């Protein structure tokens, strides 16, 4: 079996984009809706290259309900995927996504915090989840990875600035729900050191 480095997309691979949510009636950190809004996070290519050298499969696990909500098209979504695959040197089939959304679709087993996407990746690529790694920026990422059996889970902070709200609320929710990642970090550079890449 192979070991994998699982990466959330928005907030880990790329920067989130501060947008006003009509649904929540406030500004939130959201997905980029096109390639022009899409910006890679510093050190993401470095960590992917180092993981590959250590013989980890690099797999992206992402909730993407914005298409179902009508915020952008599948064509725009695939343009972003093409950009990610080209930059990180991974194949499209290593991106596992859930397009479902509460109240807009039937219940599913793939939307994080459920572990379905991890289990799909396990079956598709013969992944040893117990010896795999996860980096996420949401409590949903951490709990989904832990439910899947991943022992080493890393929560990365997104600091508040002029471009993003940050994910302090996710960190508070982890404490409230007693979700304990293996490590909380402030940058992908810290992840490289912690993972001994």
Protein backbone atom coordinates (compact mmCIF):
# COMPACT_ATOMS: atom_id res chain seq x y z
CA UNK A 1 0.00 0.00 0.00
CA UNK A 2 1.08 3.60 -0.65
CA UNK A 3 1.22 6.47 1.81
CA UNK A 4 -0.30 9.82 0.82
CA UNK A 5 -0.07 13.49 1.62
CA UNK A 6 -3.67 14.74 1.58
CA UNK A 7 -4.11 18.47 0.99
CA UNK A 8 -7.21 20.58 1.31
CA UNK A 9 -7.46 23.04 -1.57
CA UNK A 10 -8.71 26.52 -0.60
CA UNK A 11 -6.55 27.93 2.19
CA UNK A 12 -3.83 25.28 1.82
CA UNK A 13 -2.93 24.99 -1.86
CA UNK A 14 -4.24 28.43 -2.73
CA UNK A 15 -5.26 31.63 -1.02
CA UNK A 16 -8.91 32.12 -0.13
CA UNK A 17 -10.77 35.19 -1.41
CA UNK A 18 -12.78 37.48 0.88
CA UNK A 19 -16.30 37.79 -0.54
CA UNK A 20 -19.71 38.86 0.68
CA UNK A 21 -22.02 35.89 1.24
CA UNK A 22 -25.71 36.60 0.60
CA UNK A 23 -26.53 33.34 2.33
CA UNK A 24 -24.65 34.25 5.54
CA UNK A 25 -25.11 38.02 5.17
CA UNK A 26 -21.48 38.75 5.95
CA UNK A 27 -18.01 38.58 4.43
CA UNK A 28 -16.44 35.12 4.34
CA UNK A 29 -13.28 33.51 2.96
CA UNK A 30 -14.44 31.76 -0.19
CA UNK A 31 -13.04 29.81 -3.13
CA UNK A 32 -11.61 31.63 -6.14
CA UNK A 33 -14.25 31.43 -8.86
CA UNK A 34 -11.86 31.71 -11.83
CA UNK A 35 -8.16 31.43 -12.72
CA UNK A 36 -7.69 35.20 -12.34
CA UNK A 37 -8.67 35.04 -8.66
CA UNK A 38 -6.59 31.91 -8.06
CA UNK A 39 -3.25 32.46 -6.25
CA UNK A 40 -0.99 29.68 -4.95
CA UNK A 41 0.16 29.77 -1.34
CA UNK A 42 3.86 30.24 -0.67
CA UNK A 43 5.79 26.97 -0.28
CA UNK A 44 2.99 24.72 -1.60
CA UNK A 45 5.08 23.57 -4.57
CA UNK A 46 8.05 23.00 -2.28
CA UNK A 47 6.08 20.76 0.09
CA UNK A 48 4.56 18.79 -2.80
CA UNK A 49 7.97 18.18 -4.39
CA UNK A 50 9.47 17.11 -1.06
CA UNK A 51 6.52 14.76 -0.39
CA UNK A 52 6.97 13.14 -3.81
CA UNK A 53 10.68 12.59 -3.12
CA UNK A 54 9.65 10.76 0.07
CA UNK A 55 7.37 8.54 -2.09
CA UNK A 56 4.07 10.06 -0.92
CA UNK A 57 1.13 10.19 -3.31
CA UNK A 58 -0.12 13.80 -3.32
CA UNK A 59 -3.92 13.92 -3.26
CA UNK A 60 -6.24 16.92 -3.03
CA UNK A 61 -9.46 16.57 -1.02
CA UNK A 62 -11.87 19.49 -1.37
CA UNK A 63 -15.47 20.54 -0.76
CA UNK A 64 -16.62 22.65 -3.75
CA UNK A 65 -20.30 23.58 -3.27
CA UNK A 66 -20.00 26.91 -5.11
CA UNK A 67 -20.81 25.35 -8.48
CA UNK A 68 -24.09 23.99 -7.12
CA UNK A 69 -24.76 27.41 -5.59
CA UNK A 70 -24.33 28.93 -9.06
CA UNK A 71 -21.27 31.03 -8.24
CA UNK A 72 -19.22 29.71 -11.16
CA UNK A 73 -19.25 27.07 -13.89
CA UNK A 74 -17.74 23.62 -14.26
CA UNK A 75 -15.66 25.02 -17.12
CA UNK A 76 -14.08 27.62 -14.80
CA UNK A 77 -13.57 24.95 -12.15
CA UNK A 78 -11.68 22.70 -14.58
CA UNK A 79 -9.51 25.61 -15.71
CA UNK A 80 -8.44 26.00 -12.08
CA UNK A 81 -7.77 22.25 -11.85
CA UNK A 82 -5.61 22.42 -14.97
CA UNK A 83 -3.59 25.24 -13.39
CA UNK A 84 -3.13 23.26 -10.15
CA UNK A 85 -2.10 20.05 -11.93
CA UNK A 86 0.39 21.81 -14.17
CA UNK A 87 2.00 23.82 -11.34
CA UNK A 88 2.18 20.95 -8.82
CA UNK A 89 2.88 18.18 -11.34
CA UNK A 90 -0.07 15.99 -10.36
CA UNK A 91 -2.73 14.25 -12.43
CA UNK A 92 -6.37 15.37 -12.50
CA UNK A 93 -7.54 12.04 -11.05
CA UNK A 94 -5.72 12.92 -7.82
CA UNK A 95 -8.22 15.70 -7.10
CA UNK A 96 -11.23 14.38 -5.18
CA UNK A 97 -14.09 16.81 -4.74
CA UNK A 98 -17.55 16.98 -3.25
CA UNK A 99 -19.95 19.34 -5.02
CA UNK A 100 -22.81 18.76 -2.57
CA UNK A 101 -24.27 21.37 -0.25
CA UNK A 102 -26.71 21.11 2.66
CA UNK A 103 -30.26 22.12 1.65
CA UNK A 104 -29.28 22.13 -2.05
CA UNK A 105 -28.62 18.43 -2.57
CA UNK A 106 -29.40 15.07 -1.05
CA UNK A 107 -27.21 14.01 1.90
CA UNK A 108 -23.90 12.46 0.85
CA UNK A 109 -21.01 10.59 2.41
CA UNK A 110 -18.30 12.62 0.69
CA UNK A 111 -18.69 16.16 2.03
CA UNK A 112 -16.16 16.84 4.77
CA UNK A 113 -16.39 16.36 7.78
CA UNK A 114 -17.48 12.95 6.46
CA UNK A 115 -14.54 10.77 5.39
CA UNK A 116 -15.93 9.60 2.03
CA UNK A 117 -13.41 11.40 -0.21
CA UNK A 118 -10.50 9.88 1.70
CA UNK A 119 -12.03 6.43 1.38
CA UNK A 120 -12.51 6.93 -2.36
CA UNK A 121 -8.84 7.90 -2.70
CA UNK A 122 -7.84 4.87 -0.65
CA UNK A 123 -9.71 2.54 -3.00
CA UNK A 124 -8.54 4.27 -6.17
CA UNK A 125 -4.84 4.45 -5.32
CA UNK A 126 -4.36 1.69 -2.70
CA UNK A 127 -3.60 4.20 0.07
CA UNK A 128 -2.50 3.24 3.57
CA UNK A 129 -4.51 5.86 5.46
CA UNK A 130 -2.95 5.04 8.84
CA UNK A 131 0.50 6.07 7.58
CA UNK A 132 -0.71 9.02 5.52
CA UNK A 133 -0.67 12.75 6.33
CA UNK A 134 -3.22 15.57 6.08
CA UNK A 135 -2.90 19.35 5.95
CA UNK A 136 -6.14 21.33 6.24
CA UNK A 137 -7.35 24.76 7.34
CA UNK A 138 -10.80 23.79 8.63
CA UNK A 139 -12.14 21.74 11.52
CA UNK A 140 -13.98 19.75 8.83
CA UNK A 141 -10.67 18.72 7.24
CA UNK A 142 -9.22 17.52 10.52
CA UNK A 143 -12.24 15.54 11.69
CA UNK A 144 -12.75 13.97 8.23
CA UNK A 145 -9.12 12.86 8.12
CA UNK A 146 -9.28 11.46 11.64
CA UNK A 147 -12.51 9.59 10.87
CA UNK A 148 -10.75 8.08 7.85
CA UNK A 149 -7.97 6.82 10.13
CA UNK A 150 -5.21 9.32 9.34
CA UNK A 151 -2.98 9.58 12.40
CA UNK A 152 -0.98 12.73 11.54
CA UNK A 153 -3.26 15.72 10.88
CA UNK A 154 -2.04 19.30 10.58
CA UNK A 155 -4.19 22.42 10.95
CA UNK A 156 -2.81 25.52 9.22
CA UNK A 157 -3.87 28.97 10.40
CA UNK A 158 -5.04 31.62 7.93
CA UNK A 159 -4.29 34.98 9.50
CA UNK A 160 -6.73 37.87 9.14
CA UNK A 161 -5.59 40.61 6.77
CA UNK A 162 -7.01 42.92 4.10
CA UNK A 163 -7.58 39.99 1.73
CA UNK A 164 -9.06 37.34 4.04
CA UNK A 165 -11.13 36.89 7.19
CA UNK A 166 -8.90 34.14 8.56
CA UNK A 167 -9.88 30.86 10.20
CA UNK A 168 -9.86 31.69 13.91
CA UNK A 169 -13.48 30.51 14.14
CA UNK A 170 -12.43 27.08 12.86
CA UNK A 171 -9.75 26.90 15.53
CA UNK A 172 -12.31 27.83 18.21
CA UNK A 173 -14.68 25.20 16.87
CA UNK A 174 -11.96 22.55 17.08
CA UNK A 175 -11.47 23.40 20.76
CA UNK A 176 -15.24 23.33 21.39
CA UNK A 177 -15.63 19.97 19.61
CA UNK A 178 -12.46 18.63 21.27
CA UNK A 179 -10.85 17.97 17.88
CA UNK A 180 -7.10 17.67 18.35
CA UNK A 181 -4.89 17.83 15.27
CA UNK A 182 -1.33 16.52 15.60
CA UNK A 183 0.00 20.04 15.05
CA UNK A 184 -1.25 23.60 14.54
CA UNK A 185 1.01 25.63 12.26
CA UNK A 186 1.20 29.17 10.88
CA UNK A 187 2.78 28.39 7.50
CA UNK A 188 3.56 25.58 5.07
CA UNK A 189 7.23 26.10 5.90
CA UNK A 190 6.42 24.88 9.44
CA UNK A 191 4.67 21.85 7.93
CA UNK A 192 7.82 20.90 6.02
CA UNK A 193 9.84 20.99 9.26
CA UNK A 194 7.20 19.09 11.26
CA UNK A 195 6.81 16.39 8.61
CA UNK A 196 10.59 16.05 8.23
CA UNK A 197 10.35 16.64 4.49
